[in-house]
Amino acid sequence: MTPGDPGPAGEPIDPLDREIGAYDYSLPPERIAQEPLADRDASRLLVLDRTTGGLAHRRFSDLPGLLRPGDLLVTNRSRVFPARLLGRRAAGGEAEILLVRRHGADAWDAMVRPGRRLRAGAVVVIAPGFAVRVEGPAAADAEPLGHTPSTPLRRIRLLLRGLDPDAAIERHGHVPLPPYVRRADTPADRERYQTVYARERGSVAAPTAGLHFTADLLDRLRARGVERAEIILHVGPGTFRPVEVRDVLEHRVDPEPFTIPEGAAVACDRARAEGRRIVAVGTTTTRALESALDASGHLREGDGETDLVIVPGFRFRAVGALVTNFHLPRSSLLLLVSAFAGRERVLAAYTEAVRLGYRFYSYGDAMLLE
């Protein structure tokens, strides 16, 4: 493609918006939140008017007063499971298995470390009666959407003596905290790295924009006249993978499964027909909604899989406002919010957030882009 070529939805793209180097910013390490706040909705909320670029500084607990009666708030109710298995190789040495994609009762595609030592036939002991055997490379690695060579997926099998697979994972697995949280997980993370409305088990990373909601806040939103619908998108490890191509139009992401329940499809179609805003909670919800729209603009209910990459030039058809956390430089998530609100405005907001001491990333503060 040449500069000015149309993007994924046919909109022209500024040549600078195509350069991944334009999505960088400086962040002092101390701004990366290592612990959650005691109160979920006490986090700060940076409000960005994507038309004017104006900024306002609020608290997340202020959200009911910031949304409009009639808005439809759409949340992702996927539940994080303790997908990180820590053990020792039968040949000696520590090992780590991150479960990614299930195949039957006891087989998974997984990321493994150390990859060079965990080849076919290697066994990792997790706990008494619970081990993992590496069976070989995962078939998905041969596909264009496969993982980078540094983190290839392997097909593994759980070896269990009298243990239920799910119960063994739940008991011995660890919360898969993001790599920038530089501490071991604790029992408290099992509840805190989870939204209060999480239900369907399947994510290896939290849909973190939803971590700020409390049951009381959801009640206040309902009293305000804000409708709510739920979808499911199971978040994979690709959410943390940096963009490694220079031209963002060439970036690819690993497919993630999603489900649009009938009630959510009906609610979204009704809101759009009535001219009411759909407010997506998180980039996961955004990608699911935009992926599930059919050619006529109706939201398709049912199961699907999305490898949608949203970059500047994308035309949003479903989402009218976005609640999101702050995202890593050069990440697909930063590309998405830049597509929604404009790269220069987003990066200016990030610069201001750094200056004012906002907390960044999964356990950090939030933004409302409207």
Foldseek 3Di string as FASTA:
>chain_A
DDQQAFAPVGFTDHNVLQFLVLQADDFDLVLADLDFDPALQQFKAWEAALVPLDIDIGTSLCVLVVFAQLEEEEEAQAWEALQWFWFAKPVGDIKIWGFFADDPFWKGWTWIPPPVVQAAQIKTDRDVQKIKGFHHFDPCCVPPQADDPNTGITIMGIGGDPDGRRVCCRVRGAQLDDPSNPDGGDPVCNPQQHAPNHDHYAASHGLQLRSSDDPVSVVSNVVNNHHYDYKHKHHGPQQQPFFDDRGLSPGWHHKIKIFAAPVNQVSQVVSVVVVHAHEYRHPRRQQQQQVQQDPVGGGDGGMDIDGDQAAASDDRRRHDKYKHFADHRRGSRLRNVCNVRNSVSVVVSVVVCSVVSWRHDRSTHMYIYD
